[in-house]
N, C-alpha and C. Protein backbone atom coordinates (compact mmCIF):
# COMPACT_ATOMS: atom_id res chain seq x y z
N MET A 1 0.87 -1.18 0.02
CA MET A 1 0.00 -0.17 -0.10
C MET A 1 0.81 1.12 -0.05
N SER A 2 0.77 2.26 -0.87
CA SER A 2 1.40 3.29 -0.93
C SER A 2 0.85 4.21 0.14
N LEU A 3 1.86 5.21 0.48
CA LEU A 3 1.57 6.01 1.70
C LEU A 3 1.83 7.52 1.17
N PRO A 4 1.22 8.45 2.11
CA PRO A 4 1.51 9.69 1.56
C PRO A 4 2.87 10.14 1.93
N ASP A 5 3.41 11.21 1.13
CA ASP A 5 4.56 11.59 1.28
C ASP A 5 4.86 12.31 2.61
N LEU A 6 6.16 12.06 3.15
CA LEU A 6 6.59 12.97 4.39
C LEU A 6 6.40 14.55 3.89
N GLU A 7 5.66 15.00 4.91
CA GLU A 7 5.43 16.52 4.80
C GLU A 7 6.59 17.09 5.75
N ILE A 8 7.16 17.95 5.24
CA ILE A 8 8.25 18.80 6.00
C ILE A 8 7.77 20.21 6.11
N VAL A 9 7.86 20.77 7.50
CA VAL A 9 7.59 22.19 7.73
C VAL A 9 8.70 22.84 8.43
N ALA A 10 9.18 24.17 8.04
CA ALA A 10 10.16 24.66 8.61
C ALA A 10 10.32 24.82 10.28
N ALA A 11 9.00 25.04 10.72
CA ALA A 11 8.83 25.35 12.26
C ALA A 11 7.42 25.18 12.48
N THR A 12 7.20 24.59 13.74
CA THR A 12 5.80 24.40 14.25
C THR A 12 5.87 24.31 15.74
N GLY A 13 4.67 24.70 16.60
CA GLY A 13 4.67 24.32 17.78
C GLY A 13 5.00 22.85 18.18
N SER A 14 3.78 22.15 17.56
CA SER A 14 3.84 20.70 17.79
C SER A 14 3.31 19.91 16.49
N THR A 15 4.20 18.66 16.21
CA THR A 15 3.68 18.14 15.04
C THR A 15 2.60 17.24 15.51
N ASN A 16 2.35 16.78 16.70
CA ASN A 16 1.25 15.99 16.98
C ASN A 16 0.02 16.81 16.91
N ALA A 17 0.26 17.97 17.53
CA ALA A 17 -1.00 18.97 17.58
C ALA A 17 -1.54 19.22 16.34
N ASP A 18 -0.40 19.34 15.40
CA ASP A 18 -0.87 19.63 13.80
C ASP A 18 -1.62 18.60 13.29
N LEU A 19 -1.16 17.22 13.14
CA LEU A 19 -1.90 16.28 12.92
C LEU A 19 -3.24 16.19 13.40
N ARG A 20 -3.51 16.43 14.75
CA ARG A 20 -4.87 16.18 15.47
C ARG A 20 -5.83 17.13 14.75
N MET A 21 -5.28 18.36 14.10
CA MET A 21 -6.34 19.21 13.40
C MET A 21 -6.74 18.51 12.02
N ARG A 22 -5.92 17.59 11.47
CA ARG A 22 -6.44 16.97 10.19
C ARG A 22 -7.39 15.82 10.43
N GLU A 23 -8.66 16.05 10.42
CA GLU A 23 -9.39 14.96 11.02
C GLU A 23 -9.42 13.90 9.68
N ASP A 24 -9.66 14.20 8.54
CA ASP A 24 -9.54 13.30 7.45
C ASP A 24 -8.26 12.79 6.79
N ALA A 25 -7.15 13.00 7.49
CA ALA A 25 -5.73 12.58 6.92
C ALA A 25 -5.70 10.98 7.12
N PRO A 26 -5.03 10.64 5.97
CA PRO A 26 -5.18 9.16 5.86
C PRO A 26 -4.03 8.33 6.73
N HIS A 27 -4.05 7.15 6.78
CA HIS A 27 -3.24 6.26 7.38
C HIS A 27 -1.79 6.56 6.80
N GLY A 28 -0.79 6.75 7.63
CA GLY A 28 0.46 6.82 7.35
C GLY A 28 1.03 8.28 7.13
N THR A 29 0.17 9.34 7.14
CA THR A 29 0.28 10.52 7.05
C THR A 29 1.41 11.01 7.84
N ALA A 30 2.64 11.73 7.62
CA ALA A 30 3.63 11.81 8.48
C ALA A 30 4.13 13.33 8.18
N LEU A 31 4.46 14.20 9.48
CA LEU A 31 4.90 15.32 9.43
C LEU A 31 6.17 15.53 10.05
N LEU A 32 7.15 16.13 9.61
CA LEU A 32 8.39 16.35 10.33
C LEU A 32 8.68 17.85 10.21
N ALA A 33 9.08 18.51 11.57
CA ALA A 33 9.55 19.71 11.69
C ALA A 33 10.91 19.95 11.79
N LEU A 34 11.23 20.82 10.95
CA LEU A 34 12.77 21.15 11.23
C LEU A 34 13.05 21.87 12.54
N CYS A 35 12.00 22.63 12.99
CA CYS A 35 12.24 23.17 14.32
C CYS A 35 10.93 22.99 15.00
N GLN A 36 10.88 22.59 16.25
CA GLN A 36 9.60 22.47 17.26
C GLN A 36 9.85 23.19 18.21
N THR A 37 8.84 23.89 18.81
CA THR A 37 8.99 24.90 19.94
C THR A 37 8.08 24.39 21.15
N ALA A 38 7.03 23.62 20.88
CA ALA A 38 6.15 23.51 21.89
C ALA A 38 5.78 21.95 21.91
N GLY A 39 6.73 21.09 21.67
CA GLY A 39 6.27 19.67 21.62
C GLY A 39 6.29 19.19 23.05
N LYS A 40 5.56 17.90 23.05
CA LYS A 40 5.27 17.30 24.56
C LYS A 40 5.88 15.92 24.59
N GLY A 41 6.44 15.61 25.74
CA GLY A 41 6.74 14.09 25.88
C GLY A 41 5.83 13.54 26.87
N ARG A 42 6.04 12.50 27.57
CA ARG A 42 5.05 12.01 28.34
C ARG A 42 5.13 12.57 29.48
N LEU A 43 3.98 12.53 30.38
CA LEU A 43 3.61 13.31 31.47
C LEU A 43 3.64 14.82 31.27
N GLY A 44 3.45 15.24 30.29
CA GLY A 44 3.31 16.68 30.02
C GLY A 44 4.63 17.69 29.75
N ARG A 45 5.69 16.62 29.89
CA ARG A 45 6.97 17.30 29.84
C ARG A 45 7.36 17.91 28.26
N ILE A 46 8.07 19.06 28.47
CA ILE A 46 8.30 19.83 26.97
C ILE A 46 9.28 19.14 26.32
N TRP A 47 9.11 19.11 24.86
CA TRP A 47 10.43 18.53 24.20
C TRP A 47 10.52 19.50 22.91
N GLU A 48 11.47 20.21 22.92
CA GLU A 48 11.77 21.22 21.79
C GLU A 48 12.86 20.73 21.15
N SER A 49 12.74 21.14 19.66
CA SER A 49 13.92 20.66 18.83
C SER A 49 14.42 21.97 18.13
N PRO A 50 15.71 22.23 18.33
CA PRO A 50 16.24 23.43 17.76
C PRO A 50 16.35 23.23 16.35
N GLU A 51 16.21 24.45 15.52
CA GLU A 51 16.30 24.55 14.20
C GLU A 51 17.57 23.88 13.80
N GLY A 52 17.27 22.92 12.59
CA GLY A 52 18.39 22.13 11.84
C GLY A 52 19.16 21.24 12.71
N GLU A 53 18.36 20.75 13.71
CA GLU A 53 19.37 19.78 14.95
C GLU A 53 18.81 18.58 14.86
N ASN A 54 17.45 18.19 15.09
CA ASN A 54 17.14 16.97 15.56
C ASN A 54 15.84 16.63 14.64
N ILE A 55 15.20 15.50 15.10
CA ILE A 55 13.93 14.99 14.31
C ILE A 55 12.80 15.17 15.43
N ALA A 56 11.83 15.91 14.83
CA ALA A 56 10.53 16.07 15.47
C ALA A 56 9.33 15.63 14.44
N LEU A 57 8.92 14.53 14.58
CA LEU A 57 8.07 13.70 13.81
C LEU A 57 6.90 13.15 14.25
N SER A 58 5.71 13.25 13.71
CA SER A 58 4.50 12.48 13.98
C SER A 58 4.08 11.88 12.94
N VAL A 59 3.47 10.74 13.09
CA VAL A 59 2.81 9.69 12.06
C VAL A 59 1.56 9.39 12.41
N LEU A 60 0.47 9.45 11.73
CA LEU A 60 -0.81 9.28 12.10
C LEU A 60 -1.15 7.86 11.35
N LEU A 61 -1.65 7.02 12.45
CA LEU A 61 -1.90 5.64 11.93
C LEU A 61 -3.30 5.40 12.21
N ARG A 62 -4.08 4.66 11.29
CA ARG A 62 -5.43 4.20 11.46
C ARG A 62 -5.47 2.66 11.16
N PRO A 63 -4.86 2.09 12.35
CA PRO A 63 -4.91 0.46 12.32
C PRO A 63 -6.21 -0.21 12.44
N ASP A 64 -6.39 -1.27 11.87
CA ASP A 64 -7.49 -2.08 12.22
C ASP A 64 -7.27 -3.06 13.48
N LEU A 65 -7.39 -2.19 14.62
CA LEU A 65 -6.94 -2.85 15.87
C LEU A 65 -8.02 -2.65 17.01
N PRO A 66 -8.12 -3.55 17.95
CA PRO A 66 -9.00 -3.34 18.92
C PRO A 66 -8.17 -2.38 19.86
N LEU A 67 -8.92 -1.62 20.86
CA LEU A 67 -8.06 -0.52 21.63
C LEU A 67 -7.22 -1.28 22.45
N ALA A 68 -7.48 -2.38 22.93
CA ALA A 68 -6.58 -3.24 23.84
C ALA A 68 -5.14 -3.36 23.01
N ARG A 69 -5.00 -3.29 21.77
CA ARG A 69 -3.79 -3.66 21.24
C ARG A 69 -2.95 -2.25 21.01
N VAL A 70 -3.53 -0.86 21.41
CA VAL A 70 -2.94 0.11 21.22
C VAL A 70 -1.60 0.29 21.92
N PRO A 71 -1.41 -0.23 23.09
CA PRO A 71 -0.01 -0.46 23.82
C PRO A 71 1.10 -0.93 22.94
N MET A 72 0.66 -1.99 22.16
CA MET A 72 1.50 -2.54 21.46
C MET A 72 2.00 -1.69 20.42
N LEU A 73 1.20 -0.71 19.85
CA LEU A 73 1.82 0.18 18.70
C LEU A 73 2.96 1.11 19.18
N CYS A 74 2.88 1.19 20.76
CA CYS A 74 4.04 2.04 21.37
C CYS A 74 5.23 1.21 21.19
N LEU A 75 5.00 -0.32 21.71
CA LEU A 75 6.06 -1.04 21.48
C LEU A 75 6.99 -1.15 20.10
N SER A 76 5.82 -1.39 19.12
CA SER A 76 6.43 -1.56 17.67
C SER A 76 6.96 -0.24 17.45
N THR A 77 6.62 0.80 17.76
CA THR A 77 7.29 2.20 17.47
C THR A 77 8.53 2.45 18.15
N ALA A 78 8.78 1.87 19.37
CA ALA A 78 9.94 1.98 19.99
C ALA A 78 10.86 1.14 19.33
N VAL A 79 10.61 -0.12 19.05
CA VAL A 79 11.43 -1.12 18.15
C VAL A 79 11.93 -0.34 16.89
N ALA A 80 10.90 0.30 16.05
CA ALA A 80 11.36 1.08 14.97
C ALA A 80 12.18 1.97 15.05
N THR A 81 12.01 2.77 16.21
CA THR A 81 13.20 3.87 16.50
C THR A 81 14.35 3.56 16.81
N ALA A 82 14.46 2.47 17.72
CA ALA A 82 15.55 1.95 18.15
C ALA A 82 16.60 1.38 17.04
N ARG A 83 15.68 0.62 16.03
CA ARG A 83 16.48 0.06 14.88
C ARG A 83 17.11 1.32 13.87
N VAL A 84 16.23 2.29 13.81
CA VAL A 84 16.66 3.30 12.90
C VAL A 84 17.87 4.15 13.51
N CYS A 85 17.91 4.22 14.83
CA CYS A 85 19.14 4.74 15.66
C CYS A 85 20.32 3.99 15.40
N GLY A 86 20.23 2.56 15.51
CA GLY A 86 21.50 1.95 15.44
C GLY A 86 21.13 0.53 16.02
N SER A 87 22.10 -0.34 15.83
CA SER A 87 22.09 -1.65 16.35
C SER A 87 22.39 -1.74 17.99
N ALA A 88 23.23 -0.73 18.28
CA ALA A 88 23.42 -0.78 19.76
C ALA A 88 22.57 0.16 20.60
N TYR A 89 21.61 0.41 20.20
CA TYR A 89 20.37 1.29 20.91
C TYR A 89 19.59 0.47 21.51
N THR A 90 19.14 0.60 22.82
CA THR A 90 18.24 -0.20 23.35
C THR A 90 16.91 0.54 24.09
N ILE A 91 15.91 -0.10 24.53
CA ILE A 91 14.82 0.56 24.91
C ILE A 91 14.54 0.60 26.63
N LYS A 92 14.14 1.59 27.03
CA LYS A 92 13.77 1.57 28.39
C LYS A 92 12.33 1.65 28.56
N TRP A 93 11.58 0.81 29.15
CA TRP A 93 10.28 0.85 29.23
C TRP A 93 9.84 2.23 29.91
N PRO A 94 8.61 2.81 29.36
CA PRO A 94 7.91 2.28 28.31
C PRO A 94 8.45 2.58 26.80
N ASN A 95 9.12 3.75 26.63
CA ASN A 95 9.54 3.93 25.14
C ASN A 95 10.25 5.02 25.01
N ASP A 96 11.46 4.84 25.89
CA ASP A 96 12.71 5.84 25.79
C ASP A 96 13.63 4.83 25.16
N ILE A 97 14.55 5.58 24.13
CA ILE A 97 15.45 4.92 23.41
C ILE A 97 16.88 5.31 24.14
N LEU A 98 17.72 4.53 24.31
CA LEU A 98 19.03 4.78 25.24
C LEU A 98 20.08 4.43 24.22
N ALA A 99 21.21 5.42 24.37
CA ALA A 99 22.44 5.22 23.87
C ALA A 99 23.17 3.96 24.41
N PRO A 100 24.27 3.41 24.03
CA PRO A 100 24.88 2.34 24.79
C PRO A 100 25.44 2.64 26.37
N ASP A 101 25.57 4.00 26.41
CA ASP A 101 26.00 4.34 28.05
C ASP A 101 24.66 4.74 28.89
N GLY A 102 23.48 4.40 28.34
CA GLY A 102 22.21 4.66 29.04
C GLY A 102 21.60 5.84 29.13
N ARG A 103 22.11 6.81 28.32
CA ARG A 103 21.54 7.99 28.32
C ARG A 103 20.51 8.08 26.94
N LYS A 104 19.39 8.94 27.15
CA LYS A 104 18.34 9.02 26.29
C LYS A 104 18.48 9.72 25.26
N VAL A 105 18.40 9.03 24.06
CA VAL A 105 18.49 9.75 22.58
C VAL A 105 17.06 9.96 21.93
N ALA A 106 16.02 9.45 22.39
CA ALA A 106 14.69 9.52 21.72
C ALA A 106 13.62 8.94 22.61
N GLY A 107 12.57 9.52 22.47
CA GLY A 107 11.29 9.20 23.11
C GLY A 107 10.03 9.26 22.14
N ILE A 108 9.08 8.64 22.83
CA ILE A 108 7.74 8.58 21.96
C ILE A 108 6.39 8.96 22.90
N LEU A 109 5.61 9.64 22.15
CA LEU A 109 4.55 10.15 22.72
C LEU A 109 3.25 9.69 21.96
N ALA A 110 2.50 8.71 22.31
CA ALA A 110 1.25 8.36 21.47
C ALA A 110 0.08 8.89 21.99
N GLU A 111 -0.83 9.30 21.15
CA GLU A 111 -2.08 9.92 21.39
C GLU A 111 -3.18 9.37 20.69
N LEU A 112 -4.05 8.65 21.35
CA LEU A 112 -5.28 7.95 20.55
C LEU A 112 -6.45 8.76 20.40
N GLU A 113 -7.36 8.49 19.63
CA GLU A 113 -8.76 9.03 19.47
C GLU A 113 -9.69 7.83 19.11
N THR A 114 -10.73 7.97 19.73
CA THR A 114 -11.76 6.73 19.48
C THR A 114 -13.09 7.51 18.79
N ARG A 115 -13.81 6.41 18.13
CA ARG A 115 -15.00 6.98 17.58
C ARG A 115 -16.05 5.92 17.82
N GLU A 116 -17.04 6.24 18.54
CA GLU A 116 -18.22 5.06 18.75
C GLU A 116 -17.57 3.95 19.52
N GLY A 117 -16.71 4.20 20.51
CA GLY A 117 -15.93 3.08 21.31
C GLY A 117 -15.17 2.40 20.70
N ALA A 118 -14.64 2.74 19.42
CA ALA A 118 -13.48 1.97 18.70
C ALA A 118 -12.43 2.89 18.38
N LEU A 119 -11.23 2.21 18.23
CA LEU A 119 -10.16 3.00 17.69
C LEU A 119 -10.34 3.75 16.48
N ASP A 120 -10.18 5.07 16.37
CA ASP A 120 -10.29 5.55 15.14
C ASP A 120 -8.87 5.99 14.56
N ARG A 121 -7.86 6.48 15.32
CA ARG A 121 -6.58 6.79 15.01
C ARG A 121 -5.67 7.03 16.14
N VAL A 122 -4.35 6.83 15.93
CA VAL A 122 -3.18 7.06 16.72
C VAL A 122 -2.29 8.04 16.03
N ILE A 123 -1.90 8.78 16.96
CA ILE A 123 -0.78 9.84 16.52
C ILE A 123 0.55 9.61 17.15
N MET A 124 1.44 8.93 16.47
CA MET A 124 2.74 8.55 17.25
C MET A 124 3.79 9.90 17.07
N GLY A 125 4.12 10.50 18.17
CA GLY A 125 5.22 11.60 17.96
C GLY A 125 6.35 11.00 18.49
N VAL A 126 7.47 11.32 17.76
CA VAL A 126 8.86 10.77 17.89
C VAL A 126 9.74 11.76 17.88
N GLY A 127 10.58 12.06 18.96
CA GLY A 127 11.63 13.05 18.88
C GLY A 127 12.96 12.41 19.16
N VAL A 128 14.01 12.71 18.11
CA VAL A 128 15.16 11.88 18.16
C VAL A 128 16.31 13.17 18.34
N ASN A 129 17.08 13.10 19.35
CA ASN A 129 18.20 13.84 19.37
C ASN A 129 19.50 13.43 18.42
N VAL A 130 19.33 14.13 17.31
CA VAL A 130 20.17 13.64 16.28
C VAL A 130 21.66 14.37 16.27
N MET A 131 21.52 15.77 16.48
CA MET A 131 22.74 16.33 16.49
C MET A 131 22.87 17.21 17.96
N SER A 132 22.01 17.37 18.76
CA SER A 132 22.13 18.08 19.91
C SER A 132 21.03 17.36 20.96
N ALA A 133 21.40 17.79 22.27
CA ALA A 133 20.60 17.08 23.30
C ALA A 133 20.38 18.03 24.22
N PRO A 134 19.16 18.00 25.02
CA PRO A 134 19.04 18.97 26.29
C PRO A 134 20.20 18.95 27.15
N PRO A 135 20.45 20.07 27.89
CA PRO A 135 21.68 20.10 28.70
C PRO A 135 21.31 19.39 29.97
N LEU A 136 21.14 17.97 29.88
CA LEU A 136 20.71 17.21 31.02
C LEU A 136 21.80 15.97 31.04
N PRO A 137 22.09 15.63 32.37
CA PRO A 137 23.07 14.42 32.55
C PRO A 137 22.72 13.17 31.87
N THR A 138 21.34 13.06 31.67
CA THR A 138 20.73 11.60 31.28
C THR A 138 20.39 11.77 29.68
N ALA A 139 20.69 12.81 28.94
CA ALA A 139 20.37 13.02 27.74
C ALA A 139 21.59 13.06 26.84
N VAL A 140 21.49 12.51 25.71
CA VAL A 140 22.85 12.54 24.61
C VAL A 140 22.18 12.65 23.14
N SER A 141 23.01 12.95 22.11
CA SER A 141 22.65 13.03 20.87
C SER A 141 23.25 11.69 19.99
N LEU A 142 22.87 11.35 19.07
CA LEU A 142 23.46 10.32 18.27
C LEU A 142 24.79 10.82 17.76
N PHE A 143 24.95 12.10 17.26
CA PHE A 143 26.16 12.70 17.06
C PHE A 143 27.25 12.54 18.12
N GLU A 144 26.59 12.86 19.31
CA GLU A 144 27.71 12.94 20.70
C GLU A 144 28.13 11.44 20.85
N VAL A 145 27.43 10.43 20.61
CA VAL A 145 27.65 9.18 20.77
C VAL A 145 28.71 8.77 19.71
N ASP A 146 28.72 9.03 18.52
CA ASP A 146 29.60 8.44 17.40
C ASP A 146 30.33 9.20 16.40
N GLY A 147 29.83 10.77 16.38
CA GLY A 147 30.49 11.59 15.73
C GLY A 147 30.20 11.56 14.19
N VAL A 148 29.05 10.90 13.85
CA VAL A 148 28.53 10.75 12.51
C VAL A 148 27.44 11.76 12.32
N GLU A 149 27.51 12.54 11.31
CA GLU A 149 26.61 13.34 10.81
C GLU A 149 25.39 12.61 9.97
N ARG A 150 24.18 12.64 10.28
CA ARG A 150 23.17 12.05 9.87
C ARG A 150 22.44 12.77 8.98
N ALA A 151 21.71 12.41 7.95
CA ALA A 151 20.64 13.06 6.99
C ALA A 151 19.37 12.85 7.75
N ARG A 152 18.89 13.93 8.31
CA ARG A 152 17.55 13.92 9.26
C ARG A 152 16.37 13.69 8.30
N ILE A 153 16.22 14.18 7.16
CA ILE A 153 15.15 13.72 6.41
C ILE A 153 15.20 12.43 5.82
N GLY A 154 16.06 11.80 5.57
CA GLY A 154 16.44 10.49 5.10
C GLY A 154 16.12 9.69 6.28
N MET A 155 16.67 9.93 7.42
CA MET A 155 16.42 9.07 8.63
C MET A 155 14.98 9.26 9.02
N ALA A 156 14.25 10.25 8.95
CA ALA A 156 12.80 10.47 9.23
C ALA A 156 12.02 9.68 8.20
N GLU A 157 12.28 9.50 6.92
CA GLU A 157 11.64 8.58 6.19
C GLU A 157 11.84 7.37 6.27
N GLU A 158 13.00 6.88 6.76
CA GLU A 158 13.28 5.60 7.30
C GLU A 158 12.38 5.29 8.27
N LEU A 159 12.09 6.06 9.26
CA LEU A 159 11.48 5.95 10.42
C LEU A 159 9.96 5.88 10.23
N VAL A 160 9.56 6.65 9.32
CA VAL A 160 7.92 6.58 9.02
C VAL A 160 7.71 5.19 8.32
N ALA A 161 8.62 4.65 7.46
CA ALA A 161 8.07 3.49 7.07
C ALA A 161 8.41 2.23 7.96
N ALA A 162 9.45 2.34 8.92
CA ALA A 162 9.38 1.34 10.17
C ALA A 162 8.11 1.42 10.86
N ILE A 163 7.77 2.70 11.36
CA ILE A 163 6.62 2.75 12.27
C ILE A 163 5.33 2.20 11.61
N VAL A 164 5.07 2.55 10.13
CA VAL A 164 3.91 1.88 9.62
C VAL A 164 4.02 0.43 9.47
N SER A 165 5.17 -0.09 9.14
CA SER A 165 5.32 -1.49 8.99
C SER A 165 5.11 -2.21 10.39
N GLY A 166 5.74 -1.63 11.43
CA GLY A 166 5.51 -2.13 12.77
C GLY A 166 4.06 -2.25 13.14
N ALA A 167 3.16 -1.00 12.80
CA ALA A 167 1.91 -1.18 12.92
C ALA A 167 1.19 -2.16 12.43
N GLU A 168 1.56 -2.61 11.22
CA GLU A 168 1.07 -3.78 10.52
C GLU A 168 1.53 -5.19 11.09
N GLN A 169 2.65 -4.96 11.70
CA GLN A 169 3.13 -6.32 12.30
C GLN A 169 2.25 -6.53 13.75
N VAL A 170 1.90 -5.41 14.21
CA VAL A 170 1.01 -5.55 15.59
C VAL A 170 -0.30 -6.21 15.18
N ARG A 171 -0.78 -6.07 13.85
CA ARG A 171 -1.89 -6.73 13.57
C ARG A 171 -1.75 -8.11 13.03
N THR A 172 -0.74 -8.71 12.63
CA THR A 172 -0.48 -9.89 11.91
C THR A 172 0.42 -10.69 12.77
N ASP A 173 1.44 -10.21 13.62
CA ASP A 173 2.33 -11.01 14.18
C ASP A 173 2.59 -10.26 15.68
N PRO A 174 1.71 -10.09 16.42
CA PRO A 174 1.86 -9.58 17.72
C PRO A 174 2.91 -10.08 18.57
N GLU A 175 3.03 -11.50 18.66
CA GLU A 175 4.30 -12.05 19.18
C GLU A 175 5.44 -11.64 18.84
N GLY A 176 5.62 -11.65 17.62
CA GLY A 176 7.02 -11.05 17.02
C GLY A 176 7.31 -9.76 17.56
N VAL A 177 6.13 -8.65 17.52
CA VAL A 177 6.50 -7.39 18.21
C VAL A 177 7.10 -7.42 19.70
N LEU A 178 6.41 -8.47 20.20
CA LEU A 178 6.92 -8.63 21.77
C LEU A 178 8.27 -9.09 21.85
N ASP A 179 8.49 -10.11 20.96
CA ASP A 179 10.00 -10.60 20.77
C ASP A 179 10.95 -9.64 20.37
N ALA A 180 10.65 -8.83 19.61
CA ALA A 180 11.52 -7.69 19.09
C ALA A 180 11.77 -6.66 20.28
N TRP A 181 10.75 -6.10 21.00
CA TRP A 181 10.83 -5.42 21.97
C TRP A 181 11.82 -6.02 23.06
N ARG A 182 11.50 -7.20 23.47
CA ARG A 182 12.29 -7.84 24.54
C ARG A 182 13.68 -7.93 24.12
N SER A 183 13.99 -8.15 22.72
CA SER A 183 15.51 -8.24 22.34
C SER A 183 16.09 -6.78 22.39
N ARG A 184 15.52 -5.94 22.59
CA ARG A 184 15.96 -4.56 22.55
C ARG A 184 15.99 -3.97 24.02
N SER A 185 15.35 -4.66 24.80
CA SER A 185 14.99 -3.99 26.17
C SER A 185 16.05 -3.82 27.12
N ALA A 186 16.38 -2.72 27.55
CA ALA A 186 17.47 -2.23 28.68
C ALA A 186 16.92 -2.57 29.91
N THR A 187 15.53 -2.76 30.12
CA THR A 187 14.89 -2.80 31.35
C THR A 187 14.68 -4.31 31.82
N LEU A 188 14.42 -5.13 30.95
CA LEU A 188 14.22 -6.51 31.57
C LEU A 188 15.33 -7.09 32.14
N GLY A 189 15.25 -7.71 33.30
CA GLY A 189 16.48 -8.24 34.04
C GLY A 189 17.22 -7.24 34.84
N ALA A 190 16.88 -6.05 34.75
CA ALA A 190 17.48 -4.90 35.41
C ALA A 190 16.75 -4.60 36.85
N GLN A 191 17.52 -4.07 37.76
CA GLN A 191 17.02 -3.65 39.14
C GLN A 191 16.31 -2.54 38.73
N VAL A 192 15.22 -2.11 39.08
CA VAL A 192 14.37 -0.82 38.71
C VAL A 192 13.61 -0.48 39.88
N ARG A 193 13.10 0.91 39.78
CA ARG A 193 12.22 1.51 40.57
C ARG A 193 11.17 2.32 39.84
N VAL A 194 10.03 1.99 40.10
CA VAL A 194 8.94 2.51 39.28
C VAL A 194 7.96 3.04 40.53
N GLY A 195 8.05 4.37 40.66
CA GLY A 195 7.01 5.01 41.91
C GLY A 195 7.65 4.31 43.22
N GLU A 196 6.61 3.57 44.10
CA GLU A 196 7.10 3.16 45.18
C GLU A 196 7.54 1.58 45.03
N VAL A 197 7.47 1.04 43.83
CA VAL A 197 7.75 -0.44 43.56
C VAL A 197 9.25 -0.45 43.24
N SER A 198 9.94 -1.46 43.72
CA SER A 198 11.37 -1.71 43.28
C SER A 198 11.67 -3.16 43.39
N GLY A 199 12.45 -3.55 42.46
CA GLY A 199 12.74 -4.84 42.31
C GLY A 199 13.59 -5.20 40.82
N ILE A 200 13.15 -6.52 40.47
CA ILE A 200 13.64 -6.93 39.08
C ILE A 200 12.59 -6.77 38.14
N ALA A 201 12.95 -6.17 36.90
CA ALA A 201 11.98 -6.34 35.99
C ALA A 201 11.79 -7.47 35.24
N THR A 202 10.97 -8.48 35.22
CA THR A 202 10.96 -9.70 34.84
C THR A 202 10.02 -10.02 33.55
N GLY A 203 9.30 -9.02 33.07
CA GLY A 203 8.56 -9.39 31.79
C GLY A 203 7.68 -8.18 31.46
N ILE A 204 7.07 -8.32 30.19
CA ILE A 204 6.16 -7.40 29.52
C ILE A 204 5.08 -8.11 28.98
N ASP A 205 3.81 -7.36 29.20
CA ASP A 205 2.43 -8.07 28.66
C ASP A 205 2.23 -7.63 27.15
N ALA A 206 1.42 -8.13 26.46
CA ALA A 206 0.79 -7.71 25.31
C ALA A 206 0.23 -6.27 25.52
N ASP A 207 -0.15 -5.99 26.86
CA ASP A 207 -0.96 -4.61 26.85
C ASP A 207 0.03 -3.54 27.36
N GLY A 208 1.36 -4.07 27.23
CA GLY A 208 2.58 -3.11 27.62
C GLY A 208 2.80 -3.01 29.13
N ALA A 209 2.18 -3.81 29.85
CA ALA A 209 2.58 -3.61 31.25
C ALA A 209 3.93 -4.41 31.63
N LEU A 210 4.37 -3.80 32.60
CA LEU A 210 5.82 -4.12 32.90
C LEU A 210 5.61 -4.97 34.32
N TRP A 211 6.20 -6.20 34.43
CA TRP A 211 6.41 -7.04 35.56
C TRP A 211 7.34 -6.80 36.36
N VAL A 212 7.34 -6.59 37.78
CA VAL A 212 8.46 -6.36 38.57
C VAL A 212 8.37 -7.40 39.81
N MET A 213 9.43 -8.17 39.92
CA MET A 213 9.52 -8.86 41.08
C MET A 213 10.21 -8.22 42.29
N ALA A 214 9.53 -7.82 43.39
CA ALA A 214 9.93 -7.11 44.49
C ALA A 214 11.00 -8.04 45.49
N GLN A 215 11.90 -7.64 46.37
CA GLN A 215 12.62 -8.43 46.99
C GLN A 215 11.88 -9.32 47.97
N ASP A 216 10.59 -9.07 48.22
CA ASP A 216 9.80 -9.80 48.96
C ASP A 216 9.13 -11.09 48.47
N GLY A 217 9.47 -11.07 47.03
CA GLY A 217 8.94 -12.20 46.10
C GLY A 217 7.39 -11.69 45.52
N GLN A 218 7.04 -10.68 45.84
CA GLN A 218 5.66 -10.35 45.22
C GLN A 218 5.72 -9.57 43.91
N ARG A 219 5.01 -10.02 43.14
CA ARG A 219 4.97 -9.62 41.62
C ARG A 219 4.00 -8.39 41.30
N HIS A 220 4.50 -7.33 40.83
CA HIS A 220 3.74 -6.31 40.68
C HIS A 220 3.56 -5.83 39.02
N ARG A 221 2.33 -5.66 38.66
CA ARG A 221 2.02 -5.40 37.35
C ARG A 221 1.93 -4.01 37.20
N ILE A 222 2.87 -3.08 36.36
CA ILE A 222 2.92 -1.75 36.33
C ILE A 222 2.40 -1.45 34.95
N LEU A 223 1.36 -0.54 34.90
CA LEU A 223 0.87 -0.14 33.78
C LEU A 223 1.35 1.33 33.13
N ALA A 224 1.81 2.16 34.32
CA ALA A 224 2.41 3.34 33.83
C ALA A 224 3.43 3.89 34.79
N GLY A 225 4.30 4.71 34.44
CA GLY A 225 5.13 5.22 35.26
C GLY A 225 6.63 5.41 34.73
N ASP A 226 7.59 6.00 35.52
CA ASP A 226 8.82 6.09 34.89
C ASP A 226 9.76 5.35 35.53
N VAL A 227 10.41 4.64 34.88
CA VAL A 227 11.35 3.54 35.34
C VAL A 227 12.81 4.21 35.74
N GLU A 228 13.20 4.04 36.96
CA GLU A 228 14.58 4.38 37.40
C GLU A 228 15.53 3.24 37.46
N MET A 229 16.60 3.07 36.69
CA MET A 229 17.31 2.02 36.61
C MET A 229 18.43 2.23 37.75
N ILE A 230 18.19 1.23 38.78
CA ILE A 230 19.11 1.26 40.13
C ILE A 230 19.95 0.17 40.15
N GLY A 231 20.08 -0.51 39.23
CA GLY A 231 21.03 -1.81 39.29
C GLY A 231 22.26 -1.23 38.84
């Protein structure tokens, strides 16, 4: 199936917000901003992209999926993003992409809309620190990792294709999506803290929930939260 061309704008507040305004946009519609000034990450955090530096991308998906499968779209998008970044990049639950030294290079924000109780569309927002990163000890850019200058538009086109392909795999091969996520996970097997729960991350469910085994042997099923790697 052919997809709409990647649309590129010089600057915008938020690519996710822009796509939300396009009620009739087809599956695979993608918007890349060369500069983003008011993007959001998870939990309402601000994610900005300086002009000419990074990738601020949104992809609109209209998958034929039940609502319960939406979290798996986040998993498939995380896998797609990690692969496009490079073979050494991993995923921290739920959807942060990490460099080999554990610093964050990319993040994902999914926003879904329903119609008459069924899934209508999902807007997947992806931010990648290509040439620069926020001045935080936990963040890094791809360029800082390996010194390689990447063509951002070509990388964005590759990412769109991988996200759309991943969404199709969620429909046809959900176990394959889970296996791919597990193979890229920096979280599974690690000592973690999520809110008041700490222990070993032992698994992930099809709905995206993380299982953590506490020191007292109790298993906790975590549906949302920020993972702190403490091991």
